[in-house]
Amino acid sequence: MTVIVRDVRPEDAEGFARVRRAAVPFMLANAAQVAFDWIHSHPEAHARPLVAEIDGEIVGTSQLRIAHDAPEAGVGSVNVYVHPEKRGLGAGTLLVRASEEHLAQHGATVLYSWVLDEPGFRAFAERHGYAARRSAHFLRLDLTAGLPPLQEPPAGVELRSAAEFAADPRPLFVLDALTTADEPGDVGAELTDYEHWLSTTWNHPLFDPELTTVAVVDGRPVAFSAAQTDGQGRYSTGMTGTDPAFRGRGLAKLAKNLSLHRARAAGCTEAFTGNDAGNEPMLAINKWFGYEICATEVRHARTLG
């Protein structure tokens, strides 16, 4: 069987998403989201989604980009996924090579990649020159089981849906930028482009403004829990954060709890989220909600040249 690696075509969206769902079932992926991401990639990211196919069937995918929003230059990322039934045929190696060549041409000097914490995947990464760094967990919550009871917010705090900010989402952008700035990770990010945020975050097909919940003080959003849904009963927390000036009051926890209750009422049956393995406070909060770790991935890095 001959493996062919090529650029994606519009009609590849469903096949691309199918491989993602099979390889990483704890991440939401559908054709609409995949096609949207391709179209709305930031020009400075030099993103080039690739697929590997055998006899016309998509068996592997690669998501690659330059971290244009990182404070430092030359940082890229590449995440390769191969369908579990098609591993060992060379698709992953070809995708990695093509991805690295493209990113190097656009100035990348260091590449990061998430690798599932299983012997075969880690060995594959090491053979290609990637060294293990920090870990992160995928967590799952059965929404058909019990949730912690809803609690009244403290005096002066309102819990609103993001949909209530539809006329002017900029305050949510400001809060998102503030919380993203100190999110744990190898590569920092600075949200400065409001129009791009509107296009790629607010209008993203997985983003659910009705279930996204915001804690508001004196009319100002100070904490939030962003929700994503795939229309198939699956819910994911895109980001949960609090303005540093309002931390320690449990506001994000209140927002997330209400969001989960709303998700269950809307027909969602399972919820997913992710946490840096070193983020003990957030892991404890998610354990309180009933989440359980369902998989672990390890961030790997390779220096080019």
C-alpha atoms as a PDB file:
ATOM      1  CA  MET A   1       0.000   0.000   0.000  1.00  0.00           C
ATOM      2  CA  THR A   2       1.322   3.400  -1.001  1.00  0.00           C
ATOM      3  CA  VAL A   3       0.911   6.299   1.391  1.00  0.00           C
ATOM      4  CA  ILE A   4       0.426   9.728  -0.186  1.00  0.00           C
ATOM      5  CA  VAL A   5       0.732  12.968   1.804  1.00  0.00           C
ATOM      6  CA  ARG A   6      -0.938  16.048   0.354  1.00  0.00           C
ATOM      7  CA  ASP A   7      -2.582  19.344   1.214  1.00  0.00           C
ATOM      8  CA  VAL A   8      -6.198  19.184   2.302  1.00  0.00           C
ATOM      9  CA  ARG A   9      -9.090  19.838  -0.050  1.00  0.00           C
ATOM     10  CA  PRO A  10     -12.491  21.218   0.998  1.00  0.00           C
ATOM     11  CA  GLU A  11     -14.075  17.797   0.601  1.00  0.00           C
ATOM     12  CA  ASP A  12     -11.585  16.298   3.090  1.00  0.00           C
ATOM     13  CA  ALA A  13     -13.193  17.898   6.141  1.00  0.00           C
ATOM     14  CA  GLU A  14     -15.262  14.894   7.219  1.00  0.00           C
ATOM     15  CA  GLY A  15     -12.395  12.441   6.686  1.00  0.00           C
ATOM     16  CA  PHE A  16     -10.031  14.738   8.612  1.00  0.00           C
ATOM     17  CA  ALA A  17     -12.484  14.957  11.511  1.00  0.00           C
ATOM     18  CA  ARG A  18     -13.118  11.207  11.432  1.00  0.00           C
ATOM     19  CA  VAL A  19      -9.420  10.473  11.966  1.00  0.00           C
ATOM     20  CA  ARG A  20      -9.232  13.035  14.779  1.00  0.00           C
ATOM     21  CA  ARG A  21     -12.246  11.516  16.568  1.00  0.00           C
ATOM     22  CA  ALA A  22     -10.812   8.000  16.249  1.00  0.00           C
ATOM     23  CA  ALA A  23      -7.308   8.950  17.382  1.00  0.00           C
ATOM     24  CA  VAL A  24      -8.275  11.376  20.162  1.00  0.00           C
ATOM     25  CA  PRO A  25     -11.886  10.610  21.138  1.00  0.00           C
ATOM     26  CA  PHE A  26     -11.803  13.022  24.088  1.00  0.00           C
ATOM     27  CA  MET A  27     -11.507  16.065  21.798  1.00  0.00           C
ATOM     28  CA  LEU A  28     -14.478  17.455  19.880  1.00  0.00           C
ATOM     29  CA  ALA A  29     -14.124  17.378  16.113  1.00  0.00           C
ATOM     30  CA  ASN A  30     -16.602  17.595  13.261  1.00  0.00           C
ATOM     31  CA  ALA A  31     -16.459  18.545   9.616  1.00  0.00           C
ATOM     32  CA  ALA A  32     -17.850  22.053  10.139  1.00  0.00           C
ATOM     33  CA  GLN A  33     -15.214  22.850  12.768  1.00  0.00           C
ATOM     34  CA  VAL A  34     -12.381  21.447  10.662  1.00  0.00           C
ATOM     35  CA  ALA A  35     -13.392  23.379   7.545  1.00  0.00           C
ATOM     36  CA  PHE A  36     -13.869  26.554   9.593  1.00  0.00           C
ATOM     37  CA  ASP A  37     -10.394  26.275  11.118  1.00  0.00           C
ATOM     38  CA  TRP A  38      -8.817  25.869   7.692  1.00  0.00           C
ATOM     39  CA  ILE A  39     -10.517  28.953   6.298  1.00  0.00           C
ATOM     40  CA  HIS A  40      -9.930  31.196   9.306  1.00  0.00           C
ATOM     41  CA  SER A  41      -6.320  30.414  10.104  1.00  0.00           C
ATOM     42  CA  HIS A  42      -4.303  33.590  10.754  1.00  0.00           C
ATOM     43  CA  PRO A  43      -2.047  34.404   7.755  1.00  0.00           C
ATOM     44  CA  GLU A  44       0.992  34.758  10.011  1.00  0.00           C
ATOM     45  CA  ALA A  45       0.455  31.225  11.359  1.00  0.00           C
ATOM     46  CA  HIS A  46       1.387  29.731   7.959  1.00  0.00           C
ATOM     47  CA  ALA A  47      -0.893  26.819   8.800  1.00  0.00           C
ATOM     48  CA  ARG A  48      -0.891  23.997   6.285  1.00  0.00           C
ATOM     49  CA  PRO A  49      -3.174  21.102   7.219  1.00  0.00           C
ATOM     50  CA  LEU A  50      -2.070  17.866   5.602  1.00  0.00           C
ATOM     51  CA  VAL A  51      -3.607  14.447   5.120  1.00  0.00           C
ATOM     52  CA  ALA A  52      -2.122  11.037   4.448  1.00  0.00           C
ATOM     53  CA  GLU A  53      -4.192   8.751   2.274  1.00  0.00           C
ATOM     54  CA  ILE A  54      -4.055   5.143   1.141  1.00  0.00           C
ATOM     55  CA  ASP A  55      -6.063   4.164  -1.928  1.00  0.00           C
ATOM     56  CA  GLY A  56      -8.037   7.404  -1.642  1.00  0.00           C
ATOM     57  CA  GLU A  57      -8.895   6.923   2.061  1.00  0.00           C
ATOM     58  CA  ILE A  58      -7.699   9.505   4.580  1.00  0.00           C
ATOM     59  CA  VAL A  59      -5.785   7.619   7.274  1.00  0.00           C
ATOM     60  CA  GLY A  60      -3.759  10.377   8.916  1.00  0.00           C
ATOM     61  CA  THR A  61      -3.771  14.117   9.506  1.00  0.00           C
ATOM     62  CA  SER A  62      -1.362  16.844  10.563  1.00  0.00           C
ATOM     63  CA  GLN A  63      -2.152  20.203  12.128  1.00  0.00           C
ATOM     64  CA  LEU A  64       0.806  22.562  11.940  1.00  0.00           C
ATOM     65  CA  ARG A  65       1.326  26.245  12.499  1.00  0.00           C
ATOM     66  CA  ILE A  66       3.692  28.977  13.543  1.00  0.00           C
ATOM     67  CA  ALA A  67       2.782  30.376  16.963  1.00  0.00           C
ATOM     68  CA  HIS A  68       2.327  33.905  15.618  1.00  0.00           C
ATOM     69  CA  ASP A  69       0.722  35.046  18.885  1.00  0.00           C
ATOM     70  CA  ALA A  70       3.649  33.909  21.054  1.00  0.00           C
ATOM     71  CA  PRO A  71       5.949  36.539  22.592  1.00  0.00           C
ATOM     72  CA  GLU A  72       9.007  34.788  21.107  1.00  0.00           C
ATOM     73  CA  ALA A  73       9.644  34.164  17.409  1.00  0.00           C
ATOM     74  CA  GLY A  74      10.458  30.885  15.707  1.00  0.00           C
ATOM     75  CA  VAL A  75       8.046  28.657  17.637  1.00  0.00           C
ATOM     76  CA  GLY A  76       5.960  26.157  15.722  1.00  0.00           C
ATOM     77  CA  SER A  77       3.687  23.236  16.520  1.00  0.00           C
ATOM     78  CA  VAL A  78       2.865  20.014  14.740  1.00  0.00           C
ATOM     79  CA  ASN A  79       0.303  17.450  15.863  1.00  0.00           C
ATOM     80  CA  VAL A  80       0.006  14.266  13.843  1.00  0.00           C
ATOM     81  CA  TYR A  81      -2.853  11.799  14.210  1.00  0.00           C
ATOM     82  CA  VAL A  82      -3.199   8.436  12.462  1.00  0.00           C
ATOM     83  CA  HIS A  83      -6.333   6.310  12.524  1.00  0.00           C
ATOM     84  CA  PRO A  84      -5.823   3.451  15.031  1.00  0.00           C
ATOM     85  CA  GLU A  85      -6.555   0.865  12.332  1.00  0.00           C
ATOM     86  CA  LYS A  86      -3.932   2.292   9.970  1.00  0.00           C
ATOM     87  CA  ARG A  87      -0.912   2.712  12.223  1.00  0.00           C
ATOM     88  CA  GLY A  88       2.445   1.183  11.323  1.00  0.00           C
ATOM     89  CA  LEU A  89       2.120   1.858   7.591  1.00  0.00           C
ATOM     90  CA  GLY A  90       4.368   4.917   7.449  1.00  0.00           C
ATOM     91  CA  ALA A  91       1.712   7.635   7.358  1.00  0.00           C
ATOM     92  CA  GLY A  92       2.857   9.245  10.597  1.00  0.00           C
ATOM     93  CA  THR A  93       6.508   9.501   9.531  1.00  0.00           C
ATOM     94  CA  LEU A  94       5.635  11.070   6.177  1.00  0.00           C
ATOM     95  CA  LEU A  95       3.325  13.586   7.839  1.00  0.00           C
ATOM     96  CA  VAL A  96       5.979  14.584  10.378  1.00  0.00           C
ATOM     97  CA  ARG A  97       8.604  15.125   7.667  1.00  0.00           C
ATOM     98  CA  ALA A  98       6.340  17.212   5.453  1.00  0.00           C
ATOM     99  CA  SER A  99       5.172  19.278   8.425  1.00  0.00           C
ATOM    100  CA  GLU A 100       8.679  19.993   9.659  1.00  0.00           C
ATOM    101  CA  GLU A 101       9.876  21.051   6.208  1.00  0.00           C
ATOM    102  CA  HIS A 102       7.019  23.524   5.848  1.00  0.00           C
ATOM    103  CA  LEU A 103       7.484  25.057   9.285  1.00  0.00           C
ATOM    104  CA  ALA A 104      11.257  25.333   8.859  1.00  0.00           C
ATOM    105  CA  GLN A 105      10.710  27.223   5.612  1.00  0.00           C
ATOM    106  CA  HIS A 106       8.674  29.765   7.567  1.00  0.00           C
ATOM    107  CA  GLY A 107      11.237  30.382  10.264  1.00  0.00           C
ATOM    108  CA  ALA A 108      10.488  27.785  12.930  1.00  0.00           C
ATOM    109  CA  THR A 109      13.486  26.888  15.068  1.00  0.00           C
ATOM    110  CA  VAL A 110      11.710  24.879  17.755  1.00  0.00           C
ATOM    111  CA  LEU A 111       8.662  22.661  17.354  1.00  0.00           C
ATOM    112  CA  TYR A 112       6.213  21.464  19.987  1.00  0.00           C
ATOM    113  CA  SER A 113       3.937  18.455  19.719  1.00  0.00           C
ATOM    114  CA  TRP A 114       1.426  16.760  21.990  1.00  0.00           C
ATOM    115  CA  VAL A 115       1.912  12.988  22.232  1.00  0.00           C
ATOM    116  CA  LEU A 116      -0.383  10.539  24.006  1.00  0.00           C
ATOM    117  CA  ASP A 117       1.350   9.045  27.028  1.00  0.00           C
ATOM    118  CA  GLU A 118       1.588   5.514  25.693  1.00  0.00           C
ATOM    119  CA  PRO A 119       4.847   3.637  24.952  1.00  0.00           C
ATOM    120  CA  GLY A 120       4.319   3.398  21.196  1.00  0.00           C
ATOM    121  CA  PHE A 121       3.509   7.070  20.728  1.00  0.00           C
ATOM    122  CA  ARG A 122       6.355   8.265  22.941  1.00  0.00           C
ATOM    123  CA  ALA A 123       8.838   5.999  21.157  1.00  0.00           C
ATOM    124  CA  PHE A 124       7.664   7.376  17.802  1.00  0.00           C
ATOM    125  CA  ALA A 125       8.248  10.942  18.992  1.00  0.00           C
ATOM    126  CA  GLU A 126      11.701  10.132  20.351  1.00  0.00           C
ATOM    127  CA  ARG A 127      12.741   8.437  17.085  1.00  0.00           C
ATOM    128  CA  HIS A 128      11.945  11.692  15.308  1.00  0.00           C
ATOM    129  CA  GLY A 129      14.045  13.782  17.660  1.00  0.00           C
ATOM    130  CA  TYR A 130      11.369  15.034  20.062  1.00  0.00           C
ATOM    131  CA  ALA A 131      12.114  15.169  23.787  1.00  0.00           C
ATOM    132  CA  ALA A 132       9.453  14.904  26.486  1.00  0.00           C
ATOM    133  CA  ARG A 133       8.502  17.980  28.495  1.00  0.00           C
ATOM    134  CA  ARG A 134       5.441  18.538  30.683  1.00  0.00           C
ATOM    135  CA  SER A 135       2.240  16.494  30.862  1.00  0.00           C
ATOM    136  CA  ALA A 136      -1.448  17.281  30.668  1.00  0.00           C
ATOM    137  CA  HIS A 137      -4.577  15.258  31.345  1.00  0.00           C
ATOM    138  CA  PHE A 138      -7.811  14.760  29.465  1.00  0.00           C
ATOM    139  CA  LEU A 139     -10.761  14.446  31.849  1.00  0.00           C
ATOM    140  CA  ARG A 140     -14.275  13.115  31.291  1.00  0.00           C
ATOM    141  CA  LEU A 141     -17.495  13.677  33.208  1.00  0.00           C
ATOM    142  CA  ASP A 142     -20.674  11.614  32.821  1.00  0.00           C
ATOM    143  CA  LEU A 143     -23.396  14.258  32.660  1.00  0.00           C
ATOM    144  CA  THR A 144     -26.108  11.660  33.141  1.00  0.00           C
ATOM    145  CA  ALA A 145     -24.817  11.163  36.685  1.00  0.00           C
ATOM    146  CA  GLY A 146     -25.168  13.684  39.495  1.00  0.00           C
ATOM    147  CA  LEU A 147     -23.662  17.165  39.463  1.00  0.00           C
ATOM    148  CA  PRO A 148     -22.859  19.336  42.491  1.00  0.00           C
ATOM    149  CA  PRO A 149     -25.916  21.399  43.448  1.00  0.00           C
ATOM    150  CA  LEU A 150     -26.158  24.920  42.104  1.00  0.00           C
ATOM    151  CA  GLN A 151     -25.119  27.669  44.490  1.00  0.00           C
ATOM    152  CA  GLU A 152     -26.235  31.260  44.681  1.00  0.00           C
ATOM    153  CA  PRO A 153     -23.505  33.702  43.659  1.00  0.00           C
ATOM    154  CA  PRO A 154     -22.230  36.072  46.363  1.00  0.00           C
ATOM    155  CA  ALA A 155     -23.710  39.534  46.712  1.00  0.00           C
ATOM    156  CA  GLY A 156     -22.822  41.816  43.821  1.00  0.00           C
ATOM    157  CA  VAL A 157     -22.077  38.936  41.428  1.00  0.00           C
ATOM    158  CA  GLU A 158     -24.315  37.932  38.511  1.00  0.00           C
ATOM    159  CA  LEU A 159     -24.022  34.820  36.384  1.00  0.00           C
ATOM    160  CA  ARG A 160     -24.873  35.457  32.746  1.00  0.00           C
ATOM    161  CA  SER A 161     -24.588  33.523  29.507  1.00  0.00           C
ATOM    162  CA  ALA A 162     -22.137  34.758  26.895  1.00  0.00           C
ATOM    163  CA  ALA A 163     -25.096  35.074  24.547  1.00  0.00           C
ATOM    164  CA  GLU A 164     -26.123  38.147  26.538  1.00  0.00           C
ATOM    165  CA  PHE A 165     -22.972  39.855  25.254  1.00  0.00           C
ATOM    166  CA  ALA A 166     -23.746  39.189  21.600  1.00  0.00           C
ATOM    167  CA  ALA A 167     -24.258  42.869  20.808  1.00  0.00           C
ATOM    168  CA  ASP A 168     -20.771  43.690  22.093  1.00  0.00           C
ATOM    169  CA  PRO A 169     -18.499  40.734  22.958  1.00  0.00           C
ATOM    170  CA  ARG A 170     -15.406  42.923  23.440  1.00  0.00           C
ATOM    171  CA  PRO A 171     -15.548  42.712  27.291  1.00  0.00           C
ATOM    172  CA  LEU A 172     -15.279  38.937  26.954  1.00  0.00           C
ATOM    173  CA  PHE A 173     -12.303  39.337  24.631  1.00  0.00           C
ATOM    174  CA  VAL A 174     -10.583  41.534  27.225  1.00  0.00           C
ATOM    175  CA  LEU A 175     -11.172  38.915  29.923  1.00  0.00           C
ATOM    176  CA  ASP A 176     -10.056  36.077  27.638  1.00  0.00           C
ATOM    177  CA  ALA A 177      -6.833  37.943  26.830  1.00  0.00           C
ATOM    178  CA  LEU A 178      -6.196  38.624  30.502  1.00  0.00           C
ATOM    179  CA  THR A 179      -6.585  35.007  31.569  1.00  0.00           C
ATOM    180  CA  THR A 180      -4.754  33.565  28.547  1.00  0.00           C
ATOM    181  CA  ALA A 181      -1.681  35.655  29.349  1.00  0.00           C
ATOM    182  CA  ASP A 182      -0.822  33.584  32.429  1.00  0.00           C
ATOM    183  CA  GLU A 183      -2.203  30.203  31.372  1.00  0.00           C
ATOM    184  CA  PRO A 184       0.276  27.372  32.146  1.00  0.00           C
ATOM    185  CA  GLY A 185       2.191  26.213  29.084  1.00  0.00           C
ATOM    186  CA  ASP A 186       5.465  26.016  27.179  1.00  0.00           C
ATOM    187  CA  VAL A 187       4.527  28.751  24.730  1.00  0.00           C
ATOM    188  CA  GLY A 188       2.906  31.960  25.874  1.00  0.00           C
ATOM    189  CA  ALA A 189       0.138  33.673  23.948  1.00  0.00           C
ATOM    190  CA  GLU A 190      -0.908  37.290  23.669  1.00  0.00           C
ATOM    191  CA  LEU A 191      -4.427  38.013  22.431  1.00  0.00           C
ATOM    192  CA  THR A 192      -4.331  41.420  20.792  1.00  0.00           C
ATOM    193  CA  ASP A 193      -6.368  41.053  17.594  1.00  0.00           C
ATOM    194  CA  TYR A 194     -10.032  41.555  18.470  1.00  0.00           C
ATOM    195  CA  GLU A 195     -11.305  41.061  14.919  1.00  0.00           C
ATOM    196  CA  HIS A 196      -9.439  37.776  14.586  1.00  0.00           C
ATOM    197  CA  TRP A 197     -10.804  36.669  17.983  1.00  0.00           C
ATOM    198  CA  LEU A 198     -14.332  37.470  16.776  1.00  0.00           C
ATOM    199  CA  SER A 199     -13.803  35.411  13.652  1.00  0.00           C
ATOM    200  CA  THR A 200     -12.048  32.418  15.161  1.00  0.00           C
ATOM    201  CA  THR A 201     -13.305  32.191  18.749  1.00  0.00           C
ATOM    202  CA  TRP A 202     -16.652  33.952  19.070  1.00  0.00           C
ATOM    203  CA  ASN A 203     -17.927  32.684  15.720  1.00  0.00           C
ATOM    204  CA  HIS A 204     -16.318  29.248  15.944  1.00  0.00           C
ATOM    205  CA  PRO A 205     -18.844  26.490  15.100  1.00  0.00           C
ATOM    206  CA  LEU A 206     -18.123  24.580  18.323  1.00  0.00           C
ATOM    207  CA  PHE A 207     -18.426  27.633  20.584  1.00  0.00           C
ATOM    208  CA  ASP A 208     -21.726  27.612  22.479  1.00  0.00           C
ATOM    209  CA  PRO A 209     -22.587  31.097  23.797  1.00  0.00           C
ATOM    210  CA  GLU A 210     -25.767  29.886  25.482  1.00  0.00           C
ATOM    211  CA  LEU A 211     -23.839  27.430  27.660  1.00  0.00           C
ATOM    212  CA  THR A 212     -20.770  29.622  28.160  1.00  0.00           C
ATOM    213  CA  THR A 213     -21.250  31.239  31.574  1.00  0.00           C
ATOM    214  CA  VAL A 214     -19.786  34.520  32.780  1.00  0.00           C
ATOM    215  CA  ALA A 215     -19.494  35.960  36.299  1.00  0.00           C
ATOM    216  CA  VAL A 216     -20.131  39.716  36.227  1.00  0.00           C
ATOM    217  CA  VAL A 217     -19.342  42.338  38.877  1.00  0.00           C
ATOM    218  CA  ASP A 218     -20.608  45.899  38.392  1.00  0.00           C
ATOM    219  CA  GLY A 219     -21.323  45.130  34.754  1.00  0.00           C
ATOM    220  CA  ARG A 220     -17.799  43.842  34.132  1.00  0.00           C
ATOM    221  CA  PRO A 221     -17.019  40.202  33.263  1.00  0.00           C
ATOM    222  CA  VAL A 222     -14.490  38.889  35.784  1.00  0.00           C
ATOM    223  CA  ALA A 223     -14.646  35.086  35.379  1.00  0.00           C
ATOM    224  CA  PHE A 224     -15.963  32.668  32.789  1.00  0.00           C
ATOM    225  CA  SER A 225     -16.248  29.079  31.674  1.00  0.00           C
ATOM    226  CA  ALA A 226     -16.300  28.763  27.879  1.00  0.00           C
ATOM    227  CA  ALA A 227     -18.361  25.912  26.451  1.00  0.00           C
ATOM    228  CA  GLN A 228     -18.052  23.985  23.221  1.00  0.00           C
ATOM    229  CA  THR A 229     -20.593  21.505  21.887  1.00  0.00           C
ATOM    230  CA  ASP A 230     -20.625  19.299  18.799  1.00  0.00           C
ATOM    231  CA  GLY A 231     -24.372  18.800  18.371  1.00  0.00           C
ATOM    232  CA  GLN A 232     -23.992  15.111  19.228  1.00  0.00           C
ATOM    233  CA  GLY A 233     -24.382  15.308  23.003  1.00  0.00           C
ATOM    234  CA  ARG A 234     -20.726  16.079  23.713  1.00  0.00           C
ATOM    235  CA  TYR A 235     -19.654  19.161  25.665  1.00  0.00           C
ATOM    236  CA  SER A 236     -16.154  20.475  26.268  1.00  0.00           C
ATOM    237  CA  THR A 237     -14.782  23.281  28.396  1.00  0.00           C
ATOM    238  CA  GLY A 238     -12.730  25.443  26.069  1.00  0.00           C
ATOM    239  CA  MET A 239     -11.286  27.645  28.819  1.00  0.00           C
ATOM    240  CA  THR A 240     -12.091  28.552  32.399  1.00  0.00           C
ATOM    241  CA  GLY A 241     -10.467  31.632  33.866  1.00  0.00           C
ATOM    242  CA  THR A 242     -10.677  34.530  36.284  1.00  0.00           C
ATOM    243  CA  ASP A 243      -9.384  38.080  36.234  1.00  0.00           C
ATOM    244  CA  PRO A 244      -6.344  38.011  38.597  1.00  0.00           C
ATOM    245  CA  ALA A 245      -7.923  40.768  40.695  1.00  0.00           C
ATOM    246  CA  PHE A 246     -10.926  38.529  41.461  1.00  0.00           C
ATOM    247  CA  ARG A 247      -9.259  35.176  42.056  1.00  0.00           C
ATOM    248  CA  GLY A 248      -9.750  33.216  45.239  1.00  0.00           C
ATOM    249  CA  ARG A 249     -13.510  33.834  45.390  1.00  0.00           C
ATOM    250  CA  GLY A 250     -14.664  30.691  43.575  1.00  0.00           C
ATOM    251  CA  LEU A 251     -16.284  32.662  40.737  1.00  0.00           C
ATOM    252  CA  ALA A 252     -15.006  30.486  37.904  1.00  0.00           C
ATOM    253  CA  LYS A 253     -16.201  27.412  39.806  1.00  0.00           C
ATOM    254  CA  LEU A 254     -19.687  28.924  40.083  1.00  0.00           C
ATOM    255  CA  ALA A 255     -19.698  29.738  36.376  1.00  0.00           C
ATOM    256  CA  LYS A 256     -18.559  26.258  35.376  1.00  0.00           C
ATOM    257  CA  ASN A 257     -21.096  24.540  37.602  1.00  0.00           C
ATOM    258  CA  LEU A 258     -23.956  26.502  36.069  1.00  0.00           C
ATOM    259  CA  SER A 259     -22.613  25.824  32.583  1.00  0.00           C
ATOM    260  CA  LEU A 260     -22.529  22.069  33.250  1.00  0.00           C
ATOM    261  CA  HIS A 261     -26.097  22.114  34.601  1.00  0.00           C
ATOM    262  CA  ARG A 262     -27.239  24.012  31.518  1.00  0.00           C
ATOM    263  CA  ALA A 263     -25.392  21.537  29.285  1.00  0.00           C
ATOM    264  CA  ARG A 264     -27.165  18.595  30.882  1.00  0.00           C
ATOM    265  CA  ALA A 265     -30.520  20.355  30.527  1.00  0.00           C
ATOM    266  CA  ALA A 266     -29.713  20.937  26.850  1.00  0.00           C
ATOM    267  CA  GLY A 267     -29.229  17.202  26.275  1.00  0.00           C
ATOM    268  CA  CYS A 268     -25.458  16.822  26.570  1.00  0.00           C
ATOM    269  CA  THR A 269     -24.483  13.452  28.042  1.00  0.00           C
ATOM    270  CA  GLU A 270     -20.721  13.722  28.525  1.00  0.00           C
ATOM    271  CA  ALA A 271     -18.298  16.549  29.202  1.00  0.00           C
ATOM    272  CA  PHE A 272     -14.590  16.804  28.555  1.00  0.00           C
ATOM    273  CA  THR A 273     -11.877  19.148  29.690  1.00  0.00           C
ATOM    274  CA  GLY A 274      -8.098  19.271  29.911  1.00  0.00           C
ATOM    275  CA  ASN A 275      -5.662  20.294  32.641  1.00  0.00           C
ATOM    276  CA  ASP A 276      -1.939  20.755  32.880  1.00  0.00           C
ATOM    277  CA  ALA A 277      -0.682  17.967  35.136  1.00  0.00           C
ATOM    278  CA  GLY A 278       0.918  20.552  37.408  1.00  0.00           C
ATOM    279  CA  ASN A 279      -2.237  22.622  37.792  1.00  0.00           C
ATOM    280  CA  GLU A 280      -3.271  21.047  41.070  1.00  0.00           C
ATOM    281  CA  PRO A 281      -5.923  23.663  41.987  1.00  0.00           C
ATOM    282  CA  MET A 282      -7.818  23.166  38.719  1.00  0.00           C
ATOM    283  CA  LEU A 283      -7.474  19.384  38.897  1.00  0.00           C
ATOM    284  CA  ALA A 284      -8.964  19.489  42.403  1.00  0.00           C
ATOM    285  CA  ILE A 285     -11.872  21.598  41.197  1.00  0.00           C
ATOM    286  CA  ASN A 286     -12.602  19.224  38.334  1.00  0.00           C
ATOM    287  CA  LYS A 287     -12.427  16.258  40.689  1.00  0.00           C
ATOM    288  CA  TRP A 288     -15.026  18.044  42.832  1.00  0.00           C
ATOM    289  CA  PHE A 289     -17.290  18.225  39.785  1.00  0.00           C
ATOM    290  CA  GLY A 290     -16.837  14.478  39.227  1.00  0.00           C
ATOM    291  CA  TYR A 291     -14.392  14.504  36.325  1.00  0.00           C
ATOM    292  CA  GLU A 292     -12.040  11.549  35.980  1.00  0.00           C
ATOM    293  CA  ILE A 293      -8.767  11.403  34.054  1.00  0.00           C
ATOM    294  CA  CYS A 294      -9.338   9.427  30.860  1.00  0.00           C
ATOM    295  CA  ALA A 295      -5.968   9.943  29.127  1.00  0.00           C
ATOM    296  CA  THR A 296      -2.661  11.774  29.485  1.00  0.00           C
ATOM    297  CA  GLU A 297      -0.549  13.446  26.846  1.00  0.00           C
ATOM    298  CA  VAL A 298       3.027  14.678  27.005  1.00  0.00           C
ATOM    299  CA  ARG A 299       4.290  17.842  25.392  1.00  0.00           C
ATOM    300  CA  HIS A 300       7.394  17.096  23.306  1.00  0.00           C
ATOM    301  CA  ALA A 301       9.841  19.538  21.747  1.00  0.00           C
ATOM    302  CA  ARG A 302      12.423  19.416  18.982  1.00  0.00           C
ATOM    303  CA  THR A 303      14.994  22.042  18.044  1.00  0.00           C
ATOM    304  CA  LEU A 304      15.535  22.369  14.297  1.00  0.00           C
ATOM    305  CA  GLY A 305      18.903  22.902  12.621  1.00  0.00           C
END
